[in-house]
Amino acid sequence: MTGRQVYEQALVLLGMEHDEVPWLEHMAAGCLNQMLADRLYEQGALCRAQGRDAPAAAPVLEELDEEVPYDELFVRECFPYGLAALLIAEDDRTMFNWLMSEYERRAAYYAPCTLTDLQEADE
């Protein structure tokens, strides 16, 4: 899924048409890059659960037409809510709060538990 596709889905969630809010597109890449950094933990957990190496650092999108380099289902199900929230943050606090809580809930769903060995403490 490209950054542009995430942006278009975010606009659908906001009930907006691209022609009505062309200035939001300029904000979208920066918001997506913030989300990539914020969700590095979840992406790493998904990679480890699938037996792949976790990314060491968050990737950066230079433009919206690039693929979002995280798990496809994770991006599709989660990122439009986060992007919509960030784009509407200053205009509608109620909508922002709902979208952000949905974004966080969906992100938590995609972060599989990681088993960690516990060591007994010597007394």
Protein backbone atom coordinates (compact mmCIF):
# COMPACT_ATOMS: atom_id res chain seq x y z
CA MET A 1 0.00 0.00 0.00
CA THR A 2 1.40 3.38 -0.94
CA GLY A 3 1.39 6.49 1.17
CA ARG A 4 -1.10 7.99 -1.26
CA GLN A 5 -3.48 5.07 -0.75
CA VAL A 6 -3.24 5.53 3.03
CA TYR A 7 -3.93 9.25 2.53
CA GLU A 8 -6.99 8.52 0.35
CA GLN A 9 -8.36 6.11 2.96
CA ALA A 10 -7.80 8.74 5.66
CA LEU A 11 -9.84 11.23 3.63
CA VAL A 12 -12.65 8.67 3.35
CA LEU A 13 -12.65 8.28 7.14
CA LEU A 14 -12.86 12.05 7.47
CA GLY A 15 -15.68 12.28 4.90
CA MET A 16 -13.63 14.63 2.76
CA GLU A 17 -12.87 14.86 -0.94
CA HIS A 18 -9.34 15.53 -2.14
CA ASP A 19 -10.45 18.65 -4.03
CA GLU A 20 -11.92 20.14 -0.84
CA VAL A 21 -8.68 19.94 1.19
CA PRO A 22 -5.65 19.99 -1.15
CA TRP A 23 -3.42 21.45 1.60
CA LEU A 24 -3.71 18.26 3.67
CA GLU A 25 -1.75 16.29 1.08
CA HIS A 26 1.34 18.37 1.87
CA MET A 27 1.10 17.33 5.52
CA ALA A 28 0.51 13.63 4.84
CA ALA A 29 4.10 12.49 4.17
CA GLY A 30 5.39 14.07 7.37
CA CYS A 31 2.55 12.53 9.37
CA LEU A 32 3.18 9.11 7.82
CA ASN A 33 6.88 9.35 8.69
CA GLN A 34 5.94 10.13 12.29
CA MET A 35 3.65 7.10 12.31
CA LEU A 36 6.41 4.88 10.88
CA ALA A 37 8.63 5.92 13.77
CA ASP A 38 5.82 5.48 16.31
CA ARG A 39 4.95 1.98 15.07
CA LEU A 40 8.49 0.62 14.74
CA TYR A 41 7.93 -1.59 17.81
CA GLU A 42 4.82 -3.22 16.33
CA GLN A 43 6.51 -3.76 12.97
CA GLY A 44 9.50 -5.30 14.71
CA ALA A 45 7.25 -7.63 16.71
CA LEU A 46 5.46 -8.70 13.51
CA CYS A 47 8.79 -9.38 11.79
CA ARG A 48 10.09 -11.44 14.72
CA ALA A 49 6.84 -13.42 14.90
CA GLN A 50 7.25 -14.23 11.19
CA GLY A 51 10.89 -15.26 11.65
CA ARG A 52 12.30 -12.20 9.88
CA ASP A 53 14.78 -9.61 11.13
CA ALA A 54 13.17 -6.57 12.70
CA PRO A 55 14.09 -3.17 11.24
CA ALA A 56 16.74 -1.31 13.24
CA ALA A 57 15.34 2.12 12.44
CA ALA A 58 12.13 3.54 11.07
CA PRO A 59 12.07 4.04 7.30
CA VAL A 60 11.33 7.44 5.77
CA LEU A 61 8.91 8.10 2.92
CA GLU A 62 10.17 10.80 0.59
CA GLU A 63 6.87 11.04 -1.30
CA LEU A 64 3.37 9.66 -1.06
CA ASP A 65 3.68 7.43 -4.11
CA GLU A 66 6.19 5.17 -2.32
CA GLU A 67 5.13 1.90 -0.74
CA VAL A 68 4.78 2.02 3.03
CA PRO A 69 7.45 -0.54 3.97
CA TYR A 70 5.58 -2.19 6.85
CA ASP A 71 3.39 -5.29 6.94
CA GLU A 72 0.59 -4.83 4.38
CA LEU A 73 -2.31 -5.80 6.66
CA PHE A 74 -0.92 -3.74 9.53
CA VAL A 75 -0.71 -0.65 7.31
CA ARG A 76 -4.11 -1.20 5.70
CA GLU A 77 -5.97 -1.76 8.96
CA CYS A 78 -4.21 0.77 11.17
CA PHE A 79 -2.49 3.63 9.37
CA PRO A 80 -5.52 5.35 7.78
CA TYR A 81 -6.96 5.98 11.26
CA GLY A 82 -3.72 7.45 12.57
CA LEU A 83 -3.20 9.62 9.51
CA ALA A 84 -6.79 10.86 9.60
CA ALA A 85 -6.37 11.72 13.29
CA LEU A 86 -3.17 13.68 12.68
CA LEU A 87 -4.66 15.54 9.74
CA ILE A 88 -7.76 16.63 11.69
CA ALA A 89 -6.06 17.22 15.07
CA GLU A 90 -6.37 21.01 15.09
CA ASP A 91 -9.86 21.21 13.62
CA ASP A 92 -12.00 18.62 15.42
CA ARG A 93 -10.81 17.38 18.80
CA THR A 94 -13.68 14.89 19.22
CA MET A 95 -13.00 13.25 15.87
CA PHE A 96 -9.26 13.32 16.60
CA ASN A 97 -9.78 11.49 19.90
CA TRP A 98 -11.95 8.80 18.33
CA LEU A 99 -9.61 8.24 15.37
CA MET A 100 -6.53 8.16 17.60
CA SER A 101 -8.10 5.65 19.98
CA GLU A 102 -9.05 3.45 17.02
CA TYR A 103 -5.50 3.78 15.64
CA GLU A 104 -4.00 2.75 18.98
CA ARG A 105 -6.43 -0.15 19.42
CA ARG A 106 -5.69 -1.49 15.96
CA ALA A 107 -1.93 -1.07 16.41
CA ALA A 108 -2.08 -3.02 19.67
CA TYR A 109 -3.91 -5.85 17.88
CA TYR A 110 -1.07 -6.15 15.37
CA ALA A 111 1.69 -6.28 18.00
CA PRO A 112 2.08 -9.98 18.80
CA CYS A 113 3.42 -10.94 22.19
CA THR A 114 7.09 -11.76 22.35
CA LEU A 115 8.22 -14.54 24.65
CA THR A 116 11.08 -13.60 26.94
CA ASP A 117 12.95 -16.06 29.13
CA LEU A 118 12.87 -15.13 32.78
CA GLN A 119 15.87 -15.81 34.96
CA GLU A 120 15.59 -16.53 38.66
CA ALA A 121 17.21 -13.94 40.85
CA ASP A 122 19.89 -15.20 43.21
CA GLU A 123 19.09 -14.31 46.78
